[in-house]
Amino acid sequence: MRRKRGGLTTFAAGGIAGTLIGVAAKLGWDGLVDRVADSAVWVSVVLIVAVVVLIAMVTLTTRKVDQLIEKASFSINYYPADDPDELYARSREVIKHSDADVEIYAVNSYVEVFRKSTVDSPVDAGEKAQRGYLKQFEKKFGTVKYHRLIQVRRDQLDDGGAELTTLLTPAYRDHYRSMATLADEHPNKRVTIEKVPAKLPTSFVVVKDKHGDGGRIIWQMNMHDPDSDSPEFERIMGVFIITDPDALLVPRFMQWFEELDRKSRELTVAELRSPVADDG
């Protein structure tokens, strides 16, 4: 809804003009007030100047307010998995446009980690878009803190190596390997990748403001696939992208992250080497 500014401007202009004359009178500038009051020309000049100044002030203030509203408003948008290109494009924008003052915390469920979870799913057709999304994280390696937890079965917490790497989807396996390699070779880059016992049937990314408790959230909703061979496998249903500048939800997601992180173990480069028979 557009704001109606004409009446407000006229009313405020008259008010300012009257206030100026009143202040002048109180200050004892009786002679000046009398001369202005006696001259219709001078009154008109004062009013015109007041209106011009007021219009400029209202315009500037309105722009600032609109910018603040746009920047500091809570919003939720949902993108279904039926259109993986759009889903990953919107998610990619969140990471791409984050600045150097953020910290990124991510949790993955089986839906990205295990091949069986995504076979014949809509996301399977969007591997290129998926890789483009993950590439945005890699572009942030040298500038932001990036900590990712991968939920795995309890028997995969030990360094089994071969089994885990054969189960990972290619896009995520390659991204995890890039993270593990960088963390191993450049510990000062603040990039951490760990595995944790599976607990939450969901995935999320928190792009947290470094100097506050708010930020943005990419929250993935999963579903059980009735056609799957095993009830433990899931597939992606859609993604919520949440803008949360006032920290209404970010602290809750960070609490979930910290609870998972208590039982984390480092994911090694050896566990992420490409299998001998790759689909590539």
Protein backbone atom coordinates (compact mmCIF):
# COMPACT_ATOMS: atom_id res chain seq x y z
CA MET A 1 0.00 0.00 0.00
CA ARG A 2 1.41 3.37 -1.00
CA ARG A 3 1.60 6.12 1.58
CA LYS A 4 -0.50 9.29 0.94
CA ARG A 5 1.95 12.07 1.58
CA GLY A 6 0.18 15.18 0.16
CA GLY A 7 -2.00 16.01 3.17
CA LEU A 8 0.77 15.19 5.62
CA THR A 9 3.22 17.40 3.75
CA THR A 10 0.87 20.40 3.66
CA PHE A 11 -0.11 20.03 7.29
CA ALA A 12 3.49 19.63 8.44
CA ALA A 13 4.64 22.57 6.29
CA GLY A 14 2.09 24.87 7.90
CA GLY A 15 3.07 23.55 11.30
CA ILE A 16 6.75 24.21 10.71
CA ALA A 17 6.06 27.72 9.44
CA GLY A 18 3.89 28.47 12.46
CA THR A 19 6.48 27.01 14.80
CA LEU A 20 9.25 29.12 13.28
CA ILE A 21 7.22 32.30 13.77
CA GLY A 22 6.29 31.26 17.30
CA VAL A 23 9.90 30.53 18.22
CA ALA A 24 10.99 33.82 16.76
CA ALA A 25 8.39 35.64 18.87
CA LYS A 26 9.47 33.88 22.04
CA LEU A 27 13.06 34.83 21.37
CA GLY A 28 12.04 38.46 21.37
CA TRP A 29 12.39 39.04 17.66
CA ASP A 30 9.22 41.09 17.68
CA GLY A 31 10.34 43.43 14.99
CA LEU A 32 11.16 40.61 12.60
CA VAL A 33 7.88 38.83 13.31
CA ASP A 34 5.90 41.98 12.77
CA ARG A 35 7.57 42.68 9.47
CA VAL A 36 7.02 39.14 8.27
CA ALA A 37 3.42 39.12 9.43
CA ASP A 38 2.77 42.41 7.67
CA SER A 39 4.09 41.20 4.39
CA ALA A 40 2.16 38.56 2.47
CA VAL A 41 5.15 38.14 0.19
CA TRP A 42 7.47 37.19 3.02
CA VAL A 43 4.93 34.82 4.48
CA SER A 44 4.67 33.09 1.10
CA VAL A 45 8.46 32.81 0.84
CA VAL A 46 8.73 31.28 4.29
CA LEU A 47 5.99 28.77 3.52
CA ILE A 48 7.56 27.78 0.19
CA VAL A 49 10.96 27.27 1.80
CA ALA A 50 9.40 25.25 4.61
CA VAL A 51 7.49 23.06 2.15
CA VAL A 52 10.60 22.42 0.04
CA VAL A 53 12.66 21.50 3.10
CA LEU A 54 9.88 19.31 4.44
CA ILE A 55 9.43 17.47 1.14
CA ALA A 56 13.16 16.76 1.01
CA MET A 57 13.14 15.51 4.59
CA VAL A 58 10.07 13.32 4.09
CA THR A 59 11.49 11.83 0.89
CA LEU A 60 14.84 11.04 2.52
CA THR A 61 13.22 9.62 5.64
CA THR A 62 10.82 7.48 3.61
CA ARG A 63 13.65 6.00 1.60
CA LYS A 64 15.60 5.19 4.75
CA VAL A 65 12.57 3.61 6.38
CA ASP A 66 11.79 1.54 3.27
CA GLN A 67 15.41 0.34 3.19
CA LEU A 68 15.29 -0.63 6.85
CA ILE A 69 11.97 -2.43 6.41
CA GLU A 70 13.32 -4.34 3.42
CA LYS A 71 16.55 -5.21 5.22
CA ALA A 72 15.13 -6.01 8.65
CA SER A 73 11.91 -7.87 7.95
CA PHE A 74 11.14 -11.47 8.86
CA SER A 75 10.10 -13.55 5.87
CA ILE A 76 9.62 -17.19 4.86
CA ASN A 77 9.55 -18.50 1.28
CA TYR A 78 9.00 -22.11 0.29
CA TYR A 79 10.46 -23.82 -2.82
CA PRO A 80 9.29 -27.38 -3.67
CA ALA A 81 11.64 -30.12 -4.87
CA ASP A 82 9.55 -30.43 -8.04
CA ASP A 83 11.73 -27.65 -9.46
CA PRO A 84 15.29 -28.41 -8.28
CA ASP A 85 16.81 -25.70 -10.45
CA GLU A 86 14.73 -23.00 -8.74
CA LEU A 87 15.22 -24.55 -5.32
CA TYR A 88 19.00 -24.58 -5.61
CA ALA A 89 19.12 -21.20 -7.36
CA ARG A 90 17.34 -19.54 -4.42
CA SER A 91 19.50 -21.38 -1.91
CA ARG A 92 22.61 -20.43 -3.86
CA GLU A 93 21.68 -16.74 -3.68
CA VAL A 94 21.61 -16.88 0.13
CA ILE A 95 25.22 -18.07 0.26
CA LYS A 96 26.44 -15.97 -2.66
CA HIS A 97 25.17 -12.68 -1.24
CA SER A 98 26.35 -13.27 2.33
CA ASP A 99 29.19 -10.97 3.35
CA ALA A 100 32.41 -11.52 5.27
CA ASP A 101 30.72 -10.81 8.61
CA VAL A 102 28.70 -14.04 8.66
CA GLU A 103 29.34 -17.52 10.03
CA ILE A 104 27.89 -20.54 8.23
CA TYR A 105 26.68 -23.60 10.14
CA ALA A 106 25.26 -26.55 8.21
CA VAL A 107 23.71 -29.92 9.07
CA ASN A 108 23.07 -32.66 6.52
CA SER A 109 20.69 -35.59 6.78
CA TYR A 110 20.65 -38.76 4.70
CA VAL A 111 18.86 -37.09 1.85
CA GLU A 112 22.05 -35.56 0.44
CA VAL A 113 24.55 -37.99 1.88
CA PHE A 114 23.33 -41.35 0.66
CA ARG A 115 22.77 -42.33 -2.94
CA LYS A 116 19.78 -44.56 -2.17
CA SER A 117 17.94 -41.59 -0.73
CA THR A 118 17.99 -39.68 -4.00
CA VAL A 119 17.70 -42.35 -6.67
CA ASP A 120 14.85 -41.47 -9.04
CA SER A 121 14.00 -38.37 -6.98
CA PRO A 122 13.46 -34.95 -8.62
CA VAL A 123 16.75 -33.72 -7.16
CA ASP A 124 18.62 -36.47 -9.01
CA ALA A 125 17.94 -34.58 -12.22
CA GLY A 126 19.35 -31.40 -10.69
CA GLU A 127 22.91 -32.47 -9.88
CA LYS A 128 24.35 -29.58 -11.89
CA ALA A 129 22.26 -27.10 -9.89
CA GLN A 130 23.25 -28.91 -6.70
CA ARG A 131 26.95 -28.58 -7.53
CA GLY A 132 26.48 -24.90 -8.33
CA TYR A 133 24.90 -24.38 -4.92
CA LEU A 134 27.77 -26.17 -3.12
CA LYS A 135 30.33 -24.22 -5.13
CA GLN A 136 29.12 -21.01 -3.47
CA PHE A 137 30.25 -22.39 -0.11
CA GLU A 138 33.67 -23.15 -1.54
CA LYS A 139 34.00 -19.58 -2.76
CA LYS A 140 33.60 -18.49 0.88
CA PHE A 141 36.33 -20.80 2.19
CA GLY A 142 38.88 -18.06 2.70
CA THR A 143 36.57 -15.39 4.12
CA VAL A 144 34.01 -16.86 6.55
CA LYS A 145 33.76 -19.48 9.25
CA TYR A 146 32.12 -22.58 7.76
CA HIS A 147 31.26 -25.55 9.98
CA ARG A 148 29.33 -28.54 8.61
CA LEU A 149 27.99 -31.62 10.39
CA ILE A 150 27.07 -34.76 8.44
CA GLN A 151 24.63 -37.14 10.07
CA VAL A 152 25.61 -40.78 9.56
CA ARG A 153 24.71 -44.18 10.97
CA ARG A 154 26.48 -45.03 14.21
CA ASP A 155 28.50 -47.78 12.56
CA GLN A 156 29.95 -45.16 10.20
CA LEU A 157 31.34 -42.96 12.95
CA ASP A 158 34.62 -44.90 12.97
CA ASP A 159 37.06 -44.33 10.14
CA GLY A 160 35.77 -47.05 7.86
CA GLY A 161 36.81 -45.13 4.76
CA ALA A 162 35.72 -47.16 1.78
CA GLU A 163 32.10 -47.85 2.76
CA LEU A 164 31.20 -44.24 3.46
CA THR A 165 32.74 -42.85 0.29
CA THR A 166 30.88 -45.35 -1.89
CA LEU A 167 27.56 -44.37 -0.32
CA LEU A 168 27.90 -40.61 -0.74
CA THR A 169 26.26 -38.83 -3.65
CA PRO A 170 28.96 -37.50 -6.02
CA ALA A 171 28.16 -33.78 -5.63
CA TYR A 172 28.26 -33.82 -1.84
CA ARG A 173 31.18 -36.25 -1.65
CA ASP A 174 33.27 -33.88 -3.78
CA HIS A 175 32.26 -30.88 -1.69
CA TYR A 176 33.02 -32.66 1.57
CA ARG A 177 36.40 -33.72 0.21
CA SER A 178 37.21 -30.11 -0.70
CA MET A 179 36.30 -29.08 2.84
CA ALA A 180 38.34 -31.85 4.47
CA THR A 181 41.36 -31.13 2.28
CA LEU A 182 41.29 -27.41 3.03
CA ALA A 183 40.78 -28.01 6.74
CA ASP A 184 43.72 -30.44 6.74
CA GLU A 185 46.11 -28.24 4.77
CA HIS A 186 44.99 -24.78 5.96
CA PRO A 187 43.64 -24.93 9.54
CA ASN A 188 43.63 -21.12 9.68
CA LYS A 189 40.81 -20.99 7.10
CA ARG A 190 38.14 -21.75 9.75
CA VAL A 191 36.61 -24.58 7.73
CA THR A 192 35.45 -27.62 9.73
CA ILE A 193 33.72 -30.80 8.56
CA GLU A 194 32.60 -33.48 11.01
CA LYS A 195 30.30 -36.48 11.19
CA VAL A 196 27.74 -37.03 13.93
CA PRO A 197 25.26 -39.79 14.85
CA ALA A 198 22.03 -39.29 12.91
CA LYS A 199 19.38 -37.65 15.07
CA LEU A 200 17.44 -35.02 13.14
CA PRO A 201 15.46 -36.09 10.02
CA THR A 202 16.12 -32.74 8.38
CA SER A 203 18.88 -30.55 6.96
CA PHE A 204 19.55 -26.87 7.44
CA VAL A 205 22.08 -24.11 6.87
CA VAL A 206 22.32 -21.10 9.18
CA VAL A 207 24.01 -18.00 7.79
CA LYS A 208 24.48 -16.25 11.10
CA ASP A 209 25.33 -12.58 11.56
CA LYS A 210 28.70 -12.46 13.28
CA HIS A 211 27.78 -9.40 15.35
CA GLY A 212 24.25 -10.48 16.27
CA ASP A 213 21.95 -13.44 16.80
CA GLY A 214 19.94 -13.12 13.59
CA GLY A 215 20.64 -14.20 10.03
CA ARG A 216 19.17 -16.39 7.31
CA ILE A 217 18.19 -20.05 7.30
CA ILE A 218 17.92 -22.61 4.52
CA TRP A 219 15.68 -25.28 6.06
CA GLN A 220 15.14 -28.46 4.10
CA MET A 221 12.02 -30.55 4.65
CA ASN A 222 12.31 -34.28 3.94
CA MET A 223 9.79 -37.04 3.47
CA HIS A 224 9.79 -40.83 3.75
CA ASP A 225 9.55 -42.49 0.39
CA PRO A 226 6.92 -45.27 0.40
CA ASP A 227 8.49 -46.76 -2.73
CA SER A 228 11.93 -47.12 -1.14
CA ASP A 229 13.37 -50.49 -0.16
CA SER A 230 14.06 -49.24 3.35
CA PRO A 231 11.93 -46.98 5.58
CA GLU A 232 15.05 -45.15 6.81
CA PHE A 233 15.64 -43.55 3.43
CA GLU A 234 14.16 -40.15 2.74
CA ARG A 235 13.94 -37.72 -0.09
CA ILE A 236 13.70 -33.97 -0.20
CA MET A 237 10.23 -32.42 -0.23
CA GLY A 238 11.19 -28.75 -0.38
CA VAL A 239 13.15 -25.91 1.18
CA PHE A 240 12.14 -22.97 3.34
CA ILE A 241 14.35 -19.89 3.02
CA ILE A 242 13.93 -17.76 6.13
CA THR A 243 15.13 -14.21 6.69
CA ASP A 244 15.39 -13.72 10.45
CA PRO A 245 17.10 -10.41 11.36
CA ASP A 246 15.50 -10.29 14.83
CA ALA A 247 16.71 -13.78 15.83
CA LEU A 248 13.29 -15.36 16.23
CA LEU A 249 14.45 -18.75 14.90
CA VAL A 250 18.23 -18.64 14.42
CA PRO A 251 19.03 -19.34 18.12
CA ARG A 252 16.85 -22.48 18.05
CA PHE A 253 18.63 -23.83 14.98
CA MET A 254 21.99 -23.05 16.56
CA GLN A 255 20.90 -24.97 19.65
CA TRP A 256 20.15 -28.01 17.48
CA PHE A 257 23.53 -27.61 15.80
CA GLU A 258 25.37 -27.44 19.13
CA GLU A 259 23.55 -30.50 20.46
CA LEU A 260 24.66 -32.53 17.44
CA ASP A 261 28.18 -31.14 17.61
CA ARG A 262 28.74 -32.57 21.10
CA LYS A 263 29.23 -36.05 19.59
CA SER A 264 31.05 -35.04 16.44
CA ARG A 265 34.12 -36.68 14.93
CA GLU A 266 36.37 -35.26 12.27
CA LEU A 267 35.69 -36.46 8.75
CA THR A 268 39.01 -37.35 7.14
CA VAL A 269 40.21 -36.95 3.58
CA ALA A 270 40.72 -40.72 3.40
CA GLU A 271 37.02 -41.32 3.97
CA LEU A 272 36.18 -39.01 1.09
CA ARG A 273 38.44 -40.33 -1.64
CA SER A 274 36.58 -41.21 -4.82
CA PRO A 275 35.59 -44.88 -5.06
CA VAL A 276 37.29 -47.00 -7.71
CA ALA A 277 34.06 -47.32 -9.71
CA ASP A 278 32.66 -43.81 -9.84
CA ASP A 279 29.53 -42.83 -11.74
CA GLY A 280 31.31 -39.95 -13.16
